[in-house]
């Protein structure tokens, strides 16, 4: 009944990772253009599926796991220690918005 020997497995895994990421971490991307967010998802999907086709599923899943290393570095080390921004909440918002070079006019309302 359930078969995992097609690329739909990789598509499902990448989609679940991005869905959970958007649910849990979407507040960090509130001013990022939607096309950039969709493009990031599609690029990740193409890379993981391409690696799966040419190098195998195990290598593709290891690559997907390796994508978490920069995320952990940024949120656990770089933001708190170097920029003074809490890695999970993005507080203080002014510093986070400065870091992302976003418009801070929402704070003057």
PDB file of N, CA and C in Angstrom:
ATOM      1  N   UNK A   1       0.825  -1.191   0.000  1.00  0.00           N
ATOM      2  CA  UNK A   1       0.000   0.000   0.000  1.00  0.00           C
ATOM      3  C   UNK A   1       0.873   1.259   0.000  1.00  0.00           C
ATOM      4  N   UNK A   2       1.706   1.432   1.012  1.00  0.00           N
ATOM      5  CA  UNK A   2       2.573   2.608   1.080  1.00  0.00           C
ATOM      6  C   UNK A   2       3.911   2.268   0.453  1.00  0.00           C
ATOM      7  N   UNK A   3       4.299   3.058  -0.532  1.00  0.00           N
ATOM      8  CA  UNK A   3       5.601   2.854  -1.155  1.00  0.00           C
ATOM      9  C   UNK A   3       6.396   4.145  -1.051  1.00  0.00           C
ATOM     10  N   UNK A   4       7.656   4.020  -0.701  1.00  0.00           N
ATOM     11  CA  UNK A   4       8.503   5.205  -0.561  1.00  0.00           C
ATOM     12  C   UNK A   4       9.629   5.228  -1.583  1.00  0.00           C
ATOM     13  N   UNK A   5       9.499   4.457  -2.646  1.00  0.00           N
ATOM     14  CA  UNK A   5      10.570   4.381  -3.627  1.00  0.00           C
ATOM     15  C   UNK A   5      10.398   5.368  -4.787  1.00  0.00           C
ATOM     16  N   UNK A   6       9.681   6.459  -4.553  1.00  0.00           N
ATOM     17  CA  UNK A   6       9.538   7.490  -5.578  1.00  0.00           C
ATOM     18  C   UNK A   6       9.955   8.841  -4.997  1.00  0.00           C
ATOM     19  N   UNK A   7      10.067   9.820  -5.868  1.00  0.00           N
ATOM     20  CA  UNK A   7      10.459  11.160  -5.418  1.00  0.00           C
ATOM     21  C   UNK A   7       9.383  11.836  -4.570  1.00  0.00           C
ATOM     22  N   UNK A   8       8.187  11.291  -4.541  1.00  0.00           N
ATOM     23  CA  UNK A   8       7.135  11.885  -3.709  1.00  0.00           C
ATOM     24  C   UNK A   8       7.504  11.833  -2.237  1.00  0.00           C
ATOM     25  N   UNK A   9       8.315  10.857  -1.857  1.00  0.00           N
ATOM     26  CA  UNK A   9       8.770  10.781  -0.472  1.00  0.00           C
ATOM     27  C   UNK A   9       9.614  12.004  -0.122  1.00  0.00           C
ATOM     28  N   UNK A  10      10.571  12.354  -0.991  1.00  0.00           N
ATOM     29  CA  UNK A  10      11.408  13.525  -0.767  1.00  0.00           C
ATOM     30  C   UNK A  10      10.584  14.808  -0.766  1.00  0.00           C
ATOM     31  N   UNK A  11       9.628  14.887  -1.685  1.00  0.00           N
ATOM     32  CA  UNK A  11       8.757  16.056  -1.749  1.00  0.00           C
ATOM     33  C   UNK A  11       7.966  16.193  -0.448  1.00  0.00           C
ATOM     34  N   UNK A  12       7.473  15.071   0.066  1.00  0.00           N
ATOM     35  CA  UNK A  12       6.711  15.096   1.319  1.00  0.00           C
ATOM     36  C   UNK A  12       7.579  15.523   2.493  1.00  0.00           C
ATOM     37  N   UNK A  13       8.786  14.986   2.584  1.00  0.00           N
ATOM     38  CA  UNK A  13       9.674  15.320   3.694  1.00  0.00           C
ATOM     39  C   UNK A  13      10.035  16.805   3.669  1.00  0.00           C
ATOM     40  N   UNK A  14      10.436  17.312   2.507  1.00  0.00           N
ATOM     41  CA  UNK A  14      10.793  18.730   2.394  1.00  0.00           C
ATOM     42  C   UNK A  14       9.582  19.608   2.705  1.00  0.00           C
ATOM     43  N   UNK A  15       8.409  19.215   2.238  1.00  0.00           N
ATOM     44  CA  UNK A  15       7.201  20.004   2.485  1.00  0.00           C
ATOM     45  C   UNK A  15       6.837  20.037   3.964  1.00  0.00           C
ATOM     46  N   UNK A  16       6.985  18.911   4.643  1.00  0.00           N
ATOM     47  CA  UNK A  16       6.691  18.870   6.078  1.00  0.00           C
ATOM     48  C   UNK A  16       7.687  19.747   6.841  1.00  0.00           C
ATOM     49  N   UNK A  17       8.962  19.664   6.476  1.00  0.00           N
ATOM     50  CA  UNK A  17       9.975  20.491   7.140  1.00  0.00           C
ATOM     51  C   UNK A  17       9.645  21.975   6.957  1.00  0.00           C
ATOM     52  N   UNK A  18       9.285  22.378   5.740  1.00  0.00           N
ATOM     53  CA  UNK A  18       8.957  23.780   5.502  1.00  0.00           C
ATOM     54  C   UNK A  18       7.650  24.193   6.175  1.00  0.00           C
ATOM     55  N   UNK A  19       6.667  23.297   6.217  1.00  0.00           N
ATOM     56  CA  UNK A  19       5.415  23.623   6.909  1.00  0.00           C
ATOM     57  C   UNK A  19       5.663  23.855   8.396  1.00  0.00           C
ATOM     58  N   UNK A  20       6.402  22.957   9.026  1.00  0.00           N
ATOM     59  CA  UNK A  20       6.722  23.134  10.446  1.00  0.00           C
ATOM     60  C   UNK A  20       7.571  24.380  10.672  1.00  0.00           C
ATOM     61  N   UNK A  21       8.511  24.617   9.766  1.00  0.00           N
ATOM     62  CA  UNK A  21       9.336  25.817   9.878  1.00  0.00           C
ATOM     63  C   UNK A  21       8.511  27.084   9.792  1.00  0.00           C
ATOM     64  N   UNK A  22       7.545  27.123   8.886  1.00  0.00           N
ATOM     65  CA  UNK A  22       6.701  28.310   8.765  1.00  0.00           C
ATOM     66  C   UNK A  22       5.783  28.477   9.968  1.00  0.00           C
ATOM     67  N   UNK A  23       5.312  27.385  10.524  1.00  0.00           N
ATOM     68  CA  UNK A  23       4.447  27.472  11.702  1.00  0.00           C
ATOM     69  C   UNK A  23       5.240  27.967  12.913  1.00  0.00           C
ATOM     70  N   UNK A  24       6.420  27.375  13.128  1.00  0.00           N
ATOM     71  CA  UNK A  24       7.198  27.691  14.324  1.00  0.00           C
ATOM     72  C   UNK A  24       8.054  28.943  14.184  1.00  0.00           C
ATOM     73  N   UNK A  25       8.568  29.212  12.987  1.00  0.00           N
ATOM     74  CA  UNK A  25       9.531  30.299  12.817  1.00  0.00           C
ATOM     75  C   UNK A  25       9.056  31.373  11.840  1.00  0.00           C
ATOM     76  N   UNK A  26       7.818  31.315  11.415  1.00  0.00           N
ATOM     77  CA  UNK A  26       7.310  32.259  10.425  1.00  0.00           C
ATOM     78  C   UNK A  26       7.351  33.702  10.883  1.00  0.00           C
ATOM     79  N   UNK A  27       7.331  33.940  12.185  1.00  0.00           N
ATOM     80  CA  UNK A  27       7.363  35.317  12.682  1.00  0.00           C
ATOM     81  C   UNK A  27       8.690  35.996  12.376  1.00  0.00           C
ATOM     82  N   UNK A  28       9.728  35.227  12.051  1.00  0.00           N
ATOM     83  CA  UNK A  28      11.004  35.820  11.671  1.00  0.00           C
ATOM     84  C   UNK A  28      10.998  36.314  10.224  1.00  0.00           C
ATOM     85  N   UNK A  29       9.984  35.935   9.452  1.00  0.00           N
ATOM     86  CA  UNK A  29       9.935  36.259   8.029  1.00  0.00           C
ATOM     87  C   UNK A  29       8.751  37.155   7.675  1.00  0.00           C
ATOM     88  N   UNK A  30       8.253  37.903   8.638  1.00  0.00           N
ATOM     89  CA  UNK A  30       7.020  38.651   8.413  1.00  0.00           C
ATOM     90  C   UNK A  30       7.109  39.694   7.309  1.00  0.00           C
ATOM     91  N   UNK A  31       8.276  40.252   7.042  1.00  0.00           N
ATOM     92  CA  UNK A  31       8.392  41.240   5.978  1.00  0.00           C
ATOM     93  C   UNK A  31       9.172  40.725   4.769  1.00  0.00           C
ATOM     94  N   UNK A  32       9.488  39.451   4.756  1.00  0.00           N
ATOM     95  CA  UNK A  32      10.163  38.866   3.604  1.00  0.00           C
ATOM     96  C   UNK A  32       9.141  38.694   2.484  1.00  0.00           C
ATOM     97  N   UNK A  33       9.476  39.111   1.258  1.00  0.00           N
ATOM     98  CA  UNK A  33       8.532  38.946   0.148  1.00  0.00           C
ATOM     99  C   UNK A  33       8.125  37.479  -0.044  1.00  0.00           C
ATOM    100  N   UNK A  34       6.859  37.267  -0.351  1.00  0.00           N
ATOM    101  CA  UNK A  34       6.334  35.909  -0.505  1.00  0.00           C
ATOM    102  C   UNK A  34       7.057  35.149  -1.612  1.00  0.00           C
ATOM    103  N   UNK A  35       7.404  35.841  -2.691  1.00  0.00           N
ATOM    104  CA  UNK A  35       8.075  35.173  -3.804  1.00  0.00           C
ATOM    105  C   UNK A  35       9.435  34.629  -3.366  1.00  0.00           C
ATOM    106  N   UNK A  36      10.107  35.336  -2.485  1.00  0.00           N
ATOM    107  CA  UNK A  36      11.401  34.850  -1.973  1.00  0.00           C
ATOM    108  C   UNK A  36      11.214  33.619  -1.103  1.00  0.00           C
ATOM    109  N   UNK A  37      10.164  33.598  -0.291  1.00  0.00           N
ATOM    110  CA  UNK A  37       9.889  32.446   0.564  1.00  0.00           C
ATOM    111  C   UNK A  37       9.531  31.221  -0.276  1.00  0.00           C
ATOM    112  N   UNK A  38       8.710  31.421  -1.296  1.00  0.00           N
ATOM    113  CA  UNK A  38       8.336  30.316  -2.185  1.00  0.00           C
ATOM    114  C   UNK A  38       9.562  29.855  -2.972  1.00  0.00           C
ATOM    115  N   UNK A  39      10.377  30.794  -3.432  1.00  0.00           N
ATOM    116  CA  UNK A  39      11.584  30.449  -4.165  1.00  0.00           C
ATOM    117  C   UNK A  39      12.550  29.625  -3.338  1.00  0.00           C
ATOM    118  N   UNK A  40      12.682  29.957  -2.060  1.00  0.00           N
ATOM    119  CA  UNK A  40      13.555  29.207  -1.153  1.00  0.00           C
ATOM    120  C   UNK A  40      13.066  27.769  -1.001  1.00  0.00           C
ATOM    121  N   UNK A  41      11.761  27.603  -0.881  1.00  0.00           N
ATOM    122  CA  UNK A  41      11.180  26.258  -0.787  1.00  0.00           C
ATOM    123  C   UNK A  41      11.430  25.470  -2.071  1.00  0.00           C
ATOM    124  N   UNK A  42      11.159  26.086  -3.213  1.00  0.00           N
ATOM    125  CA  UNK A  42      11.340  25.392  -4.487  1.00  0.00           C
ATOM    126  C   UNK A  42      12.808  25.041  -4.735  1.00  0.00           C
ATOM    127  N   UNK A  43      13.714  25.937  -4.402  1.00  0.00           N
ATOM    128  CA  UNK A  43      15.136  25.662  -4.569  1.00  0.00           C
ATOM    129  C   UNK A  43      15.571  24.482  -3.694  1.00  0.00           C
ATOM    130  N   UNK A  44      15.126  24.468  -2.448  1.00  0.00           N
ATOM    131  CA  UNK A  44      15.447  23.349  -1.559  1.00  0.00           C
ATOM    132  C   UNK A  44      14.877  22.050  -2.110  1.00  0.00           C
ATOM    133  N   UNK A  45      13.651  22.096  -2.605  1.00  0.00           N
ATOM    134  CA  UNK A  45      13.006  20.915  -3.178  1.00  0.00           C
ATOM    135  C   UNK A  45      13.774  20.402  -4.386  1.00  0.00           C
ATOM    136  N   UNK A  46      14.193  21.298  -5.261  1.00  0.00           N
ATOM    137  CA  UNK A  46      14.939  20.905  -6.457  1.00  0.00           C
ATOM    138  C   UNK A  46      16.294  20.297  -6.071  1.00  0.00           C
ATOM    139  N   UNK A  47      16.975  20.912  -5.110  1.00  0.00           N
ATOM    140  CA  UNK A  47      18.279  20.398  -4.683  1.00  0.00           C
ATOM    141  C   UNK A  47      18.140  19.008  -4.065  1.00  0.00           C
ATOM    142  N   UNK A  48      17.193  18.837  -3.150  1.00  0.00           N
ATOM    143  CA  UNK A  48      17.027  17.548  -2.473  1.00  0.00           C
ATOM    144  C   UNK A  48      16.603  16.466  -3.469  1.00  0.00           C
ATOM    145  N   UNK A  49      15.665  16.775  -4.352  1.00  0.00           N
ATOM    146  CA  UNK A  49      15.227  15.779  -5.343  1.00  0.00           C
ATOM    147  C   UNK A  49      16.347  15.465  -6.336  1.00  0.00           C
ATOM    148  N   UNK A  50      17.095  16.471  -6.747  1.00  0.00           N
ATOM    149  CA  UNK A  50      18.211  16.234  -7.665  1.00  0.00           C
ATOM    150  C   UNK A  50      19.284  15.363  -7.043  1.00  0.00           C
ATOM    151  N   UNK A  51      19.640  15.653  -5.807  1.00  0.00           N
ATOM    152  CA  UNK A  51      20.641  14.831  -5.118  1.00  0.00           C
ATOM    153  C   UNK A  51      20.113  13.413  -4.935  1.00  0.00           C
ATOM    154  N   UNK A  52      18.828  13.273  -4.639  1.00  0.00           N
ATOM    155  CA  UNK A  52      18.243  11.949  -4.465  1.00  0.00           C
ATOM    156  C   UNK A  52      18.321  11.134  -5.757  1.00  0.00           C
ATOM    157  N   UNK A  53      18.059  11.770  -6.882  1.00  0.00           N
ATOM    158  CA  UNK A  53      18.108  11.077  -8.167  1.00  0.00           C
ATOM    159  C   UNK A  53      19.537  10.669  -8.517  1.00  0.00           C
ATOM    160  N   UNK A  54      20.484  11.583  -8.326  1.00  0.00           N
ATOM    161  CA  UNK A  54      21.841  11.334  -8.791  1.00  0.00           C
ATOM    162  C   UNK A  54      22.761  10.681  -7.755  1.00  0.00           C
ATOM    163  N   UNK A  55      22.482  10.854  -6.473  1.00  0.00           N
ATOM    164  CA  UNK A  55      23.381  10.300  -5.450  1.00  0.00           C
ATOM    165  C   UNK A  55      22.689   9.351  -4.479  1.00  0.00           C
ATOM    166  N   UNK A  56      21.380   9.314  -4.485  1.00  0.00           N
ATOM    167  CA  UNK A  56      20.651   8.417  -3.598  1.00  0.00           C
ATOM    168  C   UNK A  56      19.918   9.147  -2.490  1.00  0.00           C
ATOM    169  N   UNK A  57      18.899   8.484  -1.988  1.00  0.00           N
ATOM    170  CA  UNK A  57      18.043   9.073  -0.957  1.00  0.00           C
ATOM    171  C   UNK A  57      18.809   9.341   0.339  1.00  0.00           C
ATOM    172  N   UNK A  58      19.698   8.454   0.724  1.00  0.00           N
ATOM    173  CA  UNK A  58      20.429   8.634   1.976  1.00  0.00           C
ATOM    174  C   UNK A  58      21.250   9.924   1.942  1.00  0.00           C
ATOM    175  N   UNK A  59      21.915  10.173   0.838  1.00  0.00           N
ATOM    176  CA  UNK A  59      22.722  11.385   0.693  1.00  0.00           C
ATOM    177  C   UNK A  59      21.815  12.609   0.703  1.00  0.00           C
ATOM    178  N   UNK A  60      20.667  12.517   0.040  1.00  0.00           N
ATOM    179  CA  UNK A  60      19.732  13.644  -0.003  1.00  0.00           C
ATOM    180  C   UNK A  60      19.202  13.992   1.386  1.00  0.00           C
ATOM    181  N   UNK A  61      18.888  12.979   2.187  1.00  0.00           N
ATOM    182  CA  UNK A  61      18.379  13.221   3.532  1.00  0.00           C
ATOM    183  C   UNK A  61      19.487  13.756   4.449  1.00  0.00           C
ATOM    184  N   UNK A  62      20.716  13.294   4.230  1.00  0.00           N
ATOM    185  CA  UNK A  62      21.835  13.856   4.992  1.00  0.00           C
ATOM    186  C   UNK A  62      22.036  15.328   4.634  1.00  0.00           C
ATOM    187  N   UNK A  63      21.919  15.649   3.347  1.00  0.00           N
ATOM    188  CA  UNK A  63      22.045  17.041   2.907  1.00  0.00           C
ATOM    189  C   UNK A  63      20.945  17.896   3.538  1.00  0.00           C
ATOM    190  N   UNK A  64      19.724  17.396   3.538  1.00  0.00           N
ATOM    191  CA  UNK A  64      18.618  18.135   4.158  1.00  0.00           C
ATOM    192  C   UNK A  64      18.894  18.347   5.643  1.00  0.00           C
ATOM    193  N   UNK A  65      19.455  17.355   6.309  1.00  0.00           N
ATOM    194  CA  UNK A  65      19.813  17.501   7.726  1.00  0.00           C
ATOM    195  C   UNK A  65      20.915  18.539   7.914  1.00  0.00           C
ATOM    196  N   UNK A  66      21.864  18.570   6.987  1.00  0.00           N
ATOM    197  CA  UNK A  66      22.954  19.543   7.081  1.00  0.00           C
ATOM    198  C   UNK A  66      22.462  20.980   6.946  1.00  0.00           C
ATOM    199  N   UNK A  67      21.318  21.170   6.283  1.00  0.00           N
ATOM    200  CA  UNK A  67      20.749  22.514   6.158  1.00  0.00           C
ATOM    201  C   UNK A  67      20.395  23.106   7.517  1.00  0.00           C
ATOM    202  N   UNK A  68      20.246  22.262   8.532  1.00  0.00           N
ATOM    203  CA  UNK A  68      19.890  22.763   9.866  1.00  0.00           C
ATOM    204  C   UNK A  68      21.081  23.364  10.603  1.00  0.00           C
ATOM    205  N   UNK A  69      22.303  23.054  10.180  1.00  0.00           N
ATOM    206  CA  UNK A  69      23.485  23.563  10.878  1.00  0.00           C
ATOM    207  C   UNK A  69      23.574  25.084  10.817  1.00  0.00           C
ATOM    208  N   UNK A  70      23.444  25.714   9.642  1.00  0.00           N
ATOM    209  CA  UNK A  70      23.460  27.183   9.633  1.00  0.00           C
ATOM    210  C   UNK A  70      22.312  27.784  10.453  1.00  0.00           C
ATOM    211  N   UNK A  71      21.153  27.141  10.436  1.00  0.00           N
ATOM    212  CA  UNK A  71      20.011  27.626  11.213  1.00  0.00           C
ATOM    213  C   UNK A  71      20.345  27.619  12.701  1.00  0.00           C
ATOM    214  N   UNK A  72      20.916  26.535  13.173  1.00  0.00           N
ATOM    215  CA  UNK A  72      21.282  26.448  14.580  1.00  0.00           C
ATOM    216  C   UNK A  72      22.381  27.446  14.930  1.00  0.00           C
ATOM    217  N   UNK A  73      23.357  27.596  14.061  1.00  0.00           N
ATOM    218  CA  UNK A  73      24.435  28.550  14.307  1.00  0.00           C
ATOM    219  C   UNK A  73      23.888  29.965  14.424  1.00  0.00           C
ATOM    220  N   UNK A  74      23.035  30.353  13.496  1.00  0.00           N
ATOM    221  CA  UNK A  74      22.497  31.718  13.486  1.00  0.00           C
ATOM    222  C   UNK A  74      21.631  31.970  14.718  1.00  0.00           C
ATOM    223  N   UNK A  75      20.715  31.045  15.018  1.00  0.00           N
ATOM    224  CA  UNK A  75      19.755  31.272  16.100  1.00  0.00           C
ATOM    225  C   UNK A  75      20.329  31.003  17.492  1.00  0.00           C
ATOM    226  N   UNK A  76      21.309  30.120  17.600  1.00  0.00           N
ATOM    227  CA  UNK A  76      21.843  29.788  18.921  1.00  0.00           C
ATOM    228  C   UNK A  76      23.112  30.557  19.274  1.00  0.00           C
ATOM    229  N   UNK A  77      23.869  31.002  18.262  1.00  0.00           N
ATOM    230  CA  UNK A  77      25.131  31.665  18.564  1.00  0.00           C
ATOM    231  C   UNK A  77      25.191  33.093  18.023  1.00  0.00           C
ATOM    232  N   UNK A  78      25.035  33.251  16.728  1.00  0.00           N
ATOM    233  CA  UNK A  78      25.287  34.541  16.092  1.00  0.00           C
ATOM    234  C   UNK A  78      24.327  35.643  16.562  1.00  0.00           C
ATOM    235  N   UNK A  79      23.032  35.381  16.496  1.00  0.00           N
ATOM    236  CA  UNK A  79      22.069  36.417  16.902  1.00  0.00           C
ATOM    237  C   UNK A  79      22.208  36.793  18.380  1.00  0.00           C
ATOM    238  N   UNK A  80      22.216  35.841  19.314  1.00  0.00           N
ATOM    239  CA  UNK A  80      22.307  36.243  20.725  1.00  0.00           C
ATOM    240  C   UNK A  80      23.644  36.864  21.118  1.00  0.00           C
ATOM    241  N   UNK A  81      24.741  36.272  20.681  1.00  0.00           N
ATOM    242  CA  UNK A  81      26.048  36.713  21.165  1.00  0.00           C
ATOM    243  C   UNK A  81      26.621  37.878  20.384  1.00  0.00           C
ATOM    244  N   UNK A  82      26.379  37.916  19.096  1.00  0.00           N
ATOM    245  CA  UNK A  82      26.994  38.958  18.264  1.00  0.00           C
ATOM    246  C   UNK A  82      26.087  40.163  18.044  1.00  0.00           C
ATOM    247  N   UNK A  83      24.772  39.936  18.007  1.00  0.00           N
ATOM    248  CA  UNK A  83      23.840  41.021  17.690  1.00  0.00           C
ATOM    249  C   UNK A  83      22.933  41.416  18.840  1.00  0.00           C
ATOM    250  N   UNK A  84      22.923  40.643  19.929  1.00  0.00           N
ATOM    251  CA  UNK A  84      22.071  40.964  21.071  1.00  0.00           C
ATOM    252  C   UNK A  84      20.593  40.725  20.819  1.00  0.00           C
ATOM    253  N   UNK A  85      20.286  39.760  19.960  1.00  0.00           N
ATOM    254  CA  UNK A  85      18.902  39.434  19.604  1.00  0.00           C
ATOM    255  C   UNK A  85      18.621  38.012  20.079  1.00  0.00           C
ATOM    256  N   UNK A  86      17.492  37.832  20.774  1.00  0.00           N
ATOM    257  CA  UNK A  86      17.113  36.500  21.230  1.00  0.00           C
ATOM    258  C   UNK A  86      16.840  35.633  19.999  1.00  0.00           C
ATOM    259  N   UNK A  87      17.480  34.461  19.927  1.00  0.00           N
ATOM    260  CA  UNK A  87      17.416  33.615  18.742  1.00  0.00           C
ATOM    261  C   UNK A  87      16.075  32.961  18.486  1.00  0.00           C
ATOM    262  N   UNK A  88      15.211  32.854  19.480  1.00  0.00           N
ATOM    263  CA  UNK A  88      13.909  32.204  19.290  1.00  0.00           C
ATOM    264  C   UNK A  88      12.781  33.222  19.119  1.00  0.00           C
ATOM    265  N   UNK A  89      12.849  34.327  19.859  1.00  0.00           N
ATOM    266  CA  UNK A  89      11.744  35.297  19.822  1.00  0.00           C
ATOM    267  C   UNK A  89      12.014  36.493  18.922  1.00  0.00           C
ATOM    268  N   UNK A  90      13.282  36.749  18.606  1.00  0.00           N
ATOM    269  CA  UNK A  90      13.608  37.911  17.780  1.00  0.00           C
ATOM    270  C   UNK A  90      13.529  39.220  18.548  1.00  0.00           C
ATOM    271  N   UNK A  91      13.583  39.153  19.858  1.00  0.00           N
ATOM    272  CA  UNK A  91      13.527  40.347  20.695  1.00  0.00           C
ATOM    273  C   UNK A  91      14.928  40.876  20.944  1.00  0.00           C
ATOM    274  N   UNK A  92      15.141  42.116  21.071  1.00  0.00           N
ATOM    275  CA  UNK A  92      14.223  43.226  20.833  1.00  0.00           C
ATOM    276  C   UNK A  92      13.972  43.426  19.336  1.00  0.00           C
ATOM    277  N   UNK A  93      12.717  43.699  19.035  1.00  0.00           N
ATOM    278  CA  UNK A  93      12.283  43.804  17.639  1.00  0.00           C
ATOM    279  C   UNK A  93      13.047  44.879  16.878  1.00  0.00           C
ATOM    280  N   UNK A  94      13.349  45.976  17.515  1.00  0.00           N
ATOM    281  CA  UNK A  94      14.083  47.052  16.817  1.00  0.00           C
ATOM    282  C   UNK A  94      15.439  46.559  16.318  1.00  0.00           C
ATOM    283  N   UNK A  95      16.154  45.834  17.164  1.00  0.00           N
ATOM    284  CA  UNK A  95      17.451  45.307  16.751  1.00  0.00           C
ATOM    285  C   UNK A  95      17.287  44.277  15.630  1.00  0.00           C
ATOM    286  N   UNK A  96      16.264  43.432  15.747  1.00  0.00           N
ATOM    287  CA  UNK A  96      16.037  42.417  14.720  1.00  0.00           C
ATOM    288  C   UNK A  96      15.693  43.073  13.381  1.00  0.00           C
ATOM    289  N   UNK A  97      14.843  44.104  13.422  1.00  0.00           N
ATOM    290  CA  UNK A  97      14.476  44.792  12.186  1.00  0.00           C
ATOM    291  C   UNK A  97      15.681  45.515  11.592  1.00  0.00           C
ATOM    292  N   UNK A  98      16.543  46.074  12.446  1.00  0.00           N
ATOM    293  CA  UNK A  98      17.788  46.677  11.945  1.00  0.00           C
ATOM    294  C   UNK A  98      18.662  45.618  11.285  1.00  0.00           C
ATOM    295  N   UNK A  99      18.788  44.479  11.916  1.00  0.00           N
ATOM    296  CA  UNK A  99      19.591  43.378  11.388  1.00  0.00           C
ATOM    297  C   UNK A  99      19.080  42.930  10.021  1.00  0.00           C
ATOM    298  N   UNK A 100      17.754  42.823   9.864  1.00  0.00           N
ATOM    299  CA  UNK A 100      17.163  42.388   8.595  1.00  0.00           C
ATOM    300  C   UNK A 100      17.024  43.524   7.581  1.00  0.00           C
ATOM    301  N   UNK A 101      17.319  44.760   8.021  1.00  0.00           N
ATOM    302  CA  UNK A 101      17.183  45.963   7.183  1.00  0.00           C
ATOM    303  C   UNK A 101      15.739  46.140   6.711  1.00  0.00           C
ATOM    304  N   UNK A 102      14.803  45.925   7.639  1.00  0.00           N
ATOM    305  CA  UNK A 102      13.391  46.092   7.377  1.00  0.00           C
ATOM    306  C   UNK A 102      12.932  47.454   7.839  1.00  0.00           C
ATOM    307  N   UNK A 103      11.803  47.901   7.348  1.00  0.00           N
ATOM    308  CA  UNK A 103      11.194  49.174   7.722  1.00  0.00           C
ATOM    309  C   UNK A 103      10.707  49.076   9.170  1.00  0.00           C
ATOM    310  N   UNK A 104      11.130  50.039   9.984  1.00  0.00           N
ATOM    311  CA  UNK A 104      10.767  50.017  11.408  1.00  0.00           C
ATOM    312  C   UNK A 104       9.590  50.952  11.712  1.00  0.00           C
ATOM    313  N   UNK A 105       8.924  51.476  10.718  1.00  0.00           N
ATOM    314  CA  UNK A 105       7.831  52.406  10.935  1.00  0.00           C
ATOM    315  C   UNK A 105       6.650  51.786  11.667  1.00  0.00           C
ATOM    316  N   UNK A 106       6.583  50.470  11.735  1.00  0.00           N
ATOM    317  CA  UNK A 106       5.473  49.841  12.461  1.00  0.00           C
ATOM    318  C   UNK A 106       5.539  50.132  13.945  1.00  0.00           C
ATOM    319  N   UNK A 107       6.717  50.543  14.447  1.00  0.00           N
ATOM    320  CA  UNK A 107       6.864  50.811  15.879  1.00  0.00           C
ATOM    321  C   UNK A 107       6.414  52.206  16.255  1.00  0.00           C
ATOM    322  N   UNK A 108       6.238  53.085  15.287  1.00  0.00           N
ATOM    323  CA  UNK A 108       5.838  54.448  15.610  1.00  0.00           C
ATOM    324  C   UNK A 108       4.323  54.619  15.618  1.00  0.00           C
ATOM    325  N   UNK A 109       3.569  53.577  15.328  1.00  0.00           N
ATOM    326  CA  UNK A 109       2.104  53.660  15.290  1.00  0.00           C
ATOM    327  C   UNK A 109       1.513  53.577  16.666  1.00  0.00           C
TER     328      UNK A 109
END
